[in-house]
Protein backbone atom coordinates (compact mmCIF):
# COMPACT_ATOMS: atom_id res chain seq x y z
CA MET A 1 -68.90 -53.43 42.59
CA LEU A 2 -67.34 -49.47 43.86
CA SER A 3 -69.12 -46.43 41.89
CA SER A 4 -67.96 -43.28 41.55
CA PRO A 5 -71.12 -40.55 40.65
CA THR A 6 -68.83 -37.63 40.93
CA PHE A 7 -66.47 -39.36 37.93
CA ALA A 8 -69.73 -40.67 36.15
CA ALA A 9 -70.81 -36.30 35.96
CA ASP A 10 -67.73 -35.31 34.35
CA ILE A 11 -68.29 -37.72 31.66
CA ASN A 12 -71.48 -35.90 30.24
CA LYS A 13 -69.21 -32.53 30.27
CA PRO A 14 -68.27 -30.91 26.87
CA PHE A 15 -64.44 -31.49 25.14
CA SER A 16 -63.06 -28.36 24.09
CA ILE A 17 -61.82 -30.47 21.34
CA ALA A 18 -64.05 -32.46 19.26
CA MET A 19 -63.45 -36.78 19.27
CA THR A 20 -64.93 -38.83 16.97
CA PRO A 21 -64.86 -42.55 18.05
CA GLN A 22 -63.62 -43.27 14.00
CA SER A 23 -60.25 -42.24 15.26
CA VAL A 24 -59.43 -41.71 18.76
CA GLU A 25 -59.60 -44.90 21.37
CA PRO A 26 -61.83 -44.71 23.94
CA LEU A 27 -60.88 -43.16 27.42
CA PHE A 28 -63.44 -45.94 29.73
CA SER A 29 -64.08 -49.71 29.59
CA VAL A 30 -67.05 -51.32 31.27
CA SER A 31 -67.40 -54.09 33.15
CA ILE A 32 -70.50 -55.63 34.82
CA ASP A 33 -71.54 -57.80 37.76
CA ASN A 34 -74.68 -59.87 36.71
CA GLN A 35 -75.25 -60.64 40.17
CA ASN A 36 -75.65 -57.93 42.27
CA CYS A 37 -76.40 -54.77 39.46
CA ASN A 38 -78.32 -54.85 36.36
CA GLU A 39 -77.42 -53.33 33.03
CA GLU A 40 -79.08 -49.52 33.20
CA ASP A 41 -77.21 -49.27 36.78
CA PHE A 42 -73.47 -49.71 36.14
CA THR A 43 -71.11 -46.90 35.71
CA PRO A 44 -67.56 -46.62 33.78
CA VAL A 45 -64.41 -46.76 35.05
CA PRO A 46 -61.24 -45.52 33.51
CA SER A 47 -59.55 -48.28 32.14
CA PRO A 48 -55.53 -48.15 32.15
CA TYR A 49 -55.13 -50.15 28.90
CA CYS A 50 -57.21 -51.80 25.48
CA ASP A 51 -58.25 -55.06 26.49
CA ASP A 52 -59.86 -57.19 23.37
CA ASN A 53 -61.25 -60.08 24.87
CA LEU A 54 -64.00 -58.83 26.94
CA SER A 55 -67.00 -60.89 27.51
CA SER A 56 -69.66 -58.46 27.94
CA ASP A 57 -71.93 -57.46 25.16
CA SER A 58 -72.97 -54.07 26.30
CA PRO A 59 -73.16 -51.39 23.42
CA MET A 60 -69.90 -49.83 24.46
CA ASP A 61 -67.93 -53.20 24.02
CA ASN A 62 -68.71 -52.85 20.80
CA THR A 63 -67.94 -49.75 19.91
CA HIS A 64 -64.67 -50.33 21.39
CA ARG A 65 -63.91 -53.23 19.48
CA GLN A 66 -64.71 -51.76 17.06
CA ASN A 67 -61.83 -48.34 17.30
CA ILE A 68 -59.25 -51.69 17.84
CA GLU A 69 -59.95 -53.24 14.67
CA THR A 70 -60.46 -49.77 12.78
CA LEU A 71 -56.48 -48.53 15.15
CA SER A 72 -54.55 -52.11 14.03
CA ASN A 73 -55.74 -51.40 10.12
CA LEU A 74 -53.98 -47.43 10.29
CA ASP A 75 -50.45 -47.37 9.27
CA SER A 76 -49.36 -44.07 10.79
CA PRO A 77 -46.04 -45.46 12.95
CA GLN A 78 -47.08 -42.89 14.92
CA THR A 79 -50.41 -43.61 15.96
CA SER A 80 -49.26 -46.98 16.65
CA SER A 81 -46.56 -46.25 18.60
CA ILE A 82 -48.83 -43.86 20.85
CA PHE A 83 -50.92 -46.68 21.52
CA SER A 84 -48.58 -49.27 22.32
CA PRO A 85 -46.58 -48.26 24.96
CA GLY A 86 -45.20 -52.03 24.89
CA THR A 87 -42.82 -51.05 21.35
CA LEU A 88 -41.24 -48.40 22.86
CA ASN A 89 -37.28 -48.44 23.40
CA GLU A 90 -34.86 -46.36 25.86
CA SER A 91 -33.28 -45.32 22.37
CA ASP A 92 -36.53 -43.24 21.89
CA TYR A 93 -36.06 -41.18 25.61
CA THR A 94 -32.17 -40.57 24.80
CA ASP A 95 -31.52 -36.37 24.54
CA VAL A 96 -31.60 -34.82 20.66
CA SER A 97 -28.38 -33.26 20.21
CA THR A 98 -28.83 -29.56 19.08
CA PRO A 99 -25.66 -28.75 15.98
CA LYS A 100 -23.91 -25.51 17.63
CA ILE A 101 -23.95 -22.68 15.38
CA LYS A 102 -20.84 -21.27 14.22
CA ARG A 103 -21.02 -17.16 14.49
CA ARG A 104 -19.72 -15.41 11.33
CA SER A 105 -17.79 -13.00 12.51
CA LYS A 106 -18.39 -9.55 10.03
CA LYS A 107 -15.29 -7.18 9.51
CA ARG A 108 -15.82 -3.54 9.88
CA THR A 109 -17.31 -1.45 6.89
CA ASP A 110 -17.69 1.29 9.30
CA LEU A 111 -14.37 3.25 10.16
CA GLY A 112 -15.83 5.43 12.49
CA LEU A 113 -13.12 7.22 14.81
CA LYS A 114 -10.04 5.84 13.23
CA ARG A 115 -7.10 7.74 12.45
CA LEU A 116 -6.28 7.67 8.72
CA LYS A 117 -3.06 8.90 7.26
CA HIS A 118 -2.83 11.60 4.51
CA GLN A 119 0.38 10.21 3.12
CA ASP A 120 0.17 13.45 0.48
CA ASP A 121 0.64 16.06 3.25
CA TRP A 122 3.63 14.01 4.54
CA LEU A 123 6.80 16.91 4.04
CA SER A 124 8.62 13.73 2.93
CA LYS A 125 6.16 12.84 -0.37
CA LYS A 126 5.60 16.73 -1.17
CA ARG A 127 9.66 16.62 -1.29
CA GLN A 128 9.52 13.86 -3.40
CA ARG A 129 7.29 15.03 -5.74
CA LEU A 130 8.73 18.34 -6.25
CA TYR A 131 11.82 16.22 -7.08
CA ASN A 132 10.54 14.20 -10.09
CA LYS A 133 8.86 17.11 -11.04
CA GLY A 134 12.38 19.55 -11.19
CA MET A 135 11.34 22.32 -9.07
CA PRO A 136 12.75 23.52 -6.58
CA TYR A 137 12.62 22.10 -2.67
CA ILE A 138 14.56 21.85 0.33
CA SER A 139 16.15 18.97 1.84
CA THR A 140 16.39 16.90 4.46
CA LYS A 141 19.07 18.89 5.56
CA GLY A 142 17.49 22.37 5.23
CA ILE A 143 19.85 22.66 1.99
CA ARG A 144 17.87 24.76 -0.40
CA LYS A 145 17.82 22.97 -3.98
CA ASP A 146 17.29 24.73 -7.52
CA ALA A 147 14.87 23.85 -9.66
CA ARG A 148 16.61 21.59 -12.90
CA ARG A 149 17.50 23.45 -15.80
CA MET A 150 18.68 22.34 -19.49
CA LYS A 151 22.53 22.78 -20.20
CA ALA A 152 24.09 23.82 -22.88
CA GLY A 153 25.23 20.29 -25.72
CA CYS A 154 27.93 19.24 -26.77
CA SER A 155 31.31 21.04 -27.93
CA THR A 156 32.08 22.14 -31.10
CA THR A 157 35.35 19.13 -31.40
CA CYS A 158 31.94 16.31 -30.99
CA ARG A 159 32.84 13.32 -33.29
CA LEU A 160 28.84 12.98 -34.18
CA ARG A 161 28.10 16.80 -34.61
CA CYS A 162 25.44 16.64 -32.90
CA TYR A 163 25.15 20.36 -31.86
CA GLU A 164 24.73 20.42 -35.88
CA LYS A 165 21.88 17.61 -36.08
CA ILE A 166 19.28 18.37 -32.88
CA LYS A 167 18.35 22.26 -31.96
CA ASP A 168 17.45 24.04 -29.08
CA GLU A 169 13.93 24.67 -28.97
CA SER A 170 13.86 19.79 -29.70
CA ARG A 171 16.41 19.63 -26.63
CA MET A 172 13.96 22.00 -24.67
CA GLU A 173 10.72 20.21 -25.72
CA LEU A 174 12.38 17.34 -24.47
CA PHE A 175 13.35 18.62 -21.42
CA SER A 176 9.42 19.88 -20.27
CA GLN A 177 8.43 16.40 -21.31
CA PHE A 178 10.94 14.19 -19.76
CA TRP A 179 10.12 16.10 -15.77
CA GLU A 180 6.56 16.34 -16.46
CA THR A 181 5.85 12.75 -16.02
CA GLY A 182 6.42 13.22 -12.29
CA SER A 183 7.49 9.55 -12.07
CA HIS A 184 11.08 8.71 -11.23
CA VAL A 185 9.77 4.55 -13.04
CA LYS A 186 8.50 6.51 -16.27
CA GLN A 187 11.38 8.60 -16.56
CA TRP A 188 13.94 5.15 -16.30
CA GLN A 189 11.43 3.61 -18.81
CA ILE A 190 12.60 6.39 -21.31
CA ILE A 191 16.04 6.34 -20.62
CA ALA A 192 16.25 2.62 -21.33
CA LYS A 193 14.18 3.01 -24.38
CA TYR A 194 16.66 5.45 -25.95
CA VAL A 195 19.89 4.03 -24.74
CA MET A 196 21.03 0.47 -26.15
CA GLN A 197 23.86 -1.63 -24.87
CA LYS A 198 25.24 -3.57 -26.56
CA ASN A 199 28.84 -5.94 -26.28
CA LYS A 200 32.47 -3.76 -27.40
CA LYS A 201 33.71 -4.64 -30.94
CA THR A 202 37.39 -4.28 -29.54
CA ALA A 203 40.11 -5.02 -26.85
CA THR A 204 43.11 -3.87 -27.04
CA ASN A 205 44.22 -5.64 -24.28
CA LEU A 206 44.07 -9.03 -24.11
CA GLU A 207 46.25 -10.23 -21.05
CA GLU A 208 44.07 -8.59 -18.42
CA THR A 209 40.10 -8.46 -18.22
CA SER A 210 38.32 -5.38 -19.01
CA ARG A 211 36.28 -3.99 -16.06
CA ARG A 212 34.26 -2.30 -19.27
CA SER A 213 32.22 -5.06 -20.85
CA TYR A 214 29.59 -3.07 -23.04
CA THR A 215 28.96 -0.18 -24.64
CA LEU A 216 26.16 2.66 -24.29
CA HIS A 217 24.52 3.69 -27.65
CA TYR A 218 22.64 7.45 -26.99
CA HIS A 219 19.46 8.30 -28.50
CA LEU A 220 17.13 11.00 -28.66
CA PRO A 221 13.41 11.38 -30.53
CA LEU A 222 12.90 14.04 -33.19
CA HIS A 223 10.01 14.91 -35.06
CA ASP A 224 9.93 15.17 -38.41
CA PRO A 225 7.11 17.70 -39.04
CA VAL A 226 7.27 16.77 -43.13
CA THR A 227 6.61 12.90 -42.29
CA ASP A 228 4.50 13.38 -39.42
CA SER A 229 7.30 10.63 -37.63
CA ILE A 230 9.59 10.06 -34.52
CA SER A 231 12.97 9.14 -35.43
CA SER A 232 16.03 8.31 -33.07
CA GLN A 233 19.15 10.25 -33.31
CA LYS A 234 22.07 9.37 -32.20
CA VAL A 235 24.08 11.33 -30.16
CA CYS A 236 27.14 11.55 -27.53
CA LYS A 237 26.65 11.00 -23.93
CA THR A 238 27.41 14.00 -23.21
CA MET A 239 24.34 15.45 -25.31
CA PHE A 240 22.15 13.20 -24.01
CA LEU A 241 22.81 13.46 -20.48
CA ASN A 242 22.66 17.76 -20.72
CA THR A 243 19.85 17.80 -22.34
CA PHE A 244 17.53 16.53 -19.61
CA ASN A 245 20.76 17.39 -16.79
CA ILE A 246 20.77 14.31 -15.47
CA SER A 247 23.93 11.98 -14.43
CA LYS A 248 25.42 8.57 -15.90
CA GLU A 249 24.21 6.97 -12.61
CA PHE A 250 20.72 7.84 -13.91
CA VAL A 251 21.60 5.81 -16.80
CA TYR A 252 22.90 2.97 -14.95
CA THR A 253 19.99 2.50 -12.39
CA ALA A 254 17.58 2.91 -16.02
CA LEU A 255 19.30 -0.02 -17.20
CA HIS A 256 19.65 -1.94 -14.39
CA LYS A 257 16.32 -1.59 -13.63
CA ASN A 258 15.26 -2.66 -16.80
CA LYS A 259 17.28 -5.67 -16.88
CA ASP A 260 15.51 -7.32 -13.77
CA CYS A 261 11.87 -6.04 -14.75
CA ASN A 262 9.76 -7.07 -17.96
CA ASP A 263 9.09 -3.22 -19.57
CA PHE A 264 8.78 -1.64 -15.62
CA VAL A 265 5.80 -3.83 -15.03
CA ASP A 266 6.28 -5.17 -11.84
CA ILE A 267 9.10 -2.56 -10.26
CA ASN A 268 8.51 0.43 -7.71
CA ASP A 269 10.51 3.33 -7.00
CA ASP A 270 11.97 2.56 -3.72
CA ARG A 271 14.34 5.64 -3.21
CA GLY A 272 14.69 5.65 0.73
CA ARG A 273 13.30 2.34 1.70
CA HIS A 274 15.43 1.26 4.21
CA LYS A 275 16.41 0.82 7.85
CA ASN A 276 19.36 2.37 8.03
CA HIS A 277 18.81 6.76 8.40
CA ALA A 278 21.41 8.08 10.59
CA SER A 279 19.30 9.98 13.40
CA ILE A 280 20.61 12.78 14.50
CA ILE A 281 20.24 14.19 18.22
CA THR A 282 22.17 17.12 18.96
CA ASN A 283 23.14 18.82 22.47
CA LEU A 284 19.47 21.00 21.90
CA MET A 285 17.47 18.35 22.19
CA LYS A 286 19.09 16.62 25.23
CA GLN A 287 19.52 19.67 26.74
CA SER A 288 15.26 20.21 26.62
CA VAL A 289 14.41 16.27 27.55
CA ILE A 290 16.97 17.26 30.92
CA ASP A 291 14.73 20.78 31.41
CA HIS A 292 11.59 18.77 31.13
CA VAL A 293 12.03 15.51 33.49
CA ASN A 294 13.92 18.31 36.31
CA SER A 295 10.32 20.59 35.76
CA PHE A 296 8.90 17.91 38.10
CA ILE A 297 8.32 18.17 41.57
CA PRO A 298 10.11 15.32 43.77
CA VAL A 299 7.50 13.23 46.38
CA GLU A 300 9.20 10.79 48.41
CA SER A 301 7.40 7.47 48.47
CA HIS A 302 4.46 6.37 50.12
CA TYR A 303 6.36 3.39 50.86
CA VAL A 304 8.86 4.66 53.68
CA ARG A 305 6.43 7.45 54.93
């Protein structure tokens, strides 16, 4: 039997990790030839596998059998799979697919240098606020509009005699409160509250269909200082329109909005929000564009040089 003194010298070196014979399989097995050598002259040789049917009675063989019996009693599947290479399958060596992680895009909270819309500084918004408050403004055509003022009441020939029921001080207070709202939607709501729309009672011509199918009843709120309550006083059409300085189209629009929406909850002021805007291009604007184009110095194309 061949001997390897170099390998036997490395066995006596200490390991970096403490290993006990009860938990770790011996790395070497011993085979002895009784004819050529004695028991004291044997040299351990590495064993590639574990053999239970060893015929020698050396101390290392006994230790080898004890370790195999100890390992066979272990219930850990990882330990048995490590020391039994014959039980491994091809599926144990397959690649494990790692799950793909999707990155969620985060919304930008910092606006940075993003351009902001200052709608309150727009000329159209300023003009609209002045118009809704009844203050003087300049129209889109450059025409100056005066501030709204309360007009005179009905004449003395009024059948309801409104001029005797309502004083000018009460009318002036209603006029100020109406235009101080500054909102066209709130003004529509006030008008729809004090204008009652009822079906007409009589028809003079039954053969032809009339365009007027209902009658409007106008009212103004009056404050009673004695009872500290507000009562609704019926007035004529002229008294109602002159008190707020509005037109009849303003009243018809308010009634139409009130019919389509429920108490003006989902209604918005959409005036001017259409695509049918007139674009006026004057001769001065055209000439300025022509002068700008002619200001450039013409140069020959580099393809014909």
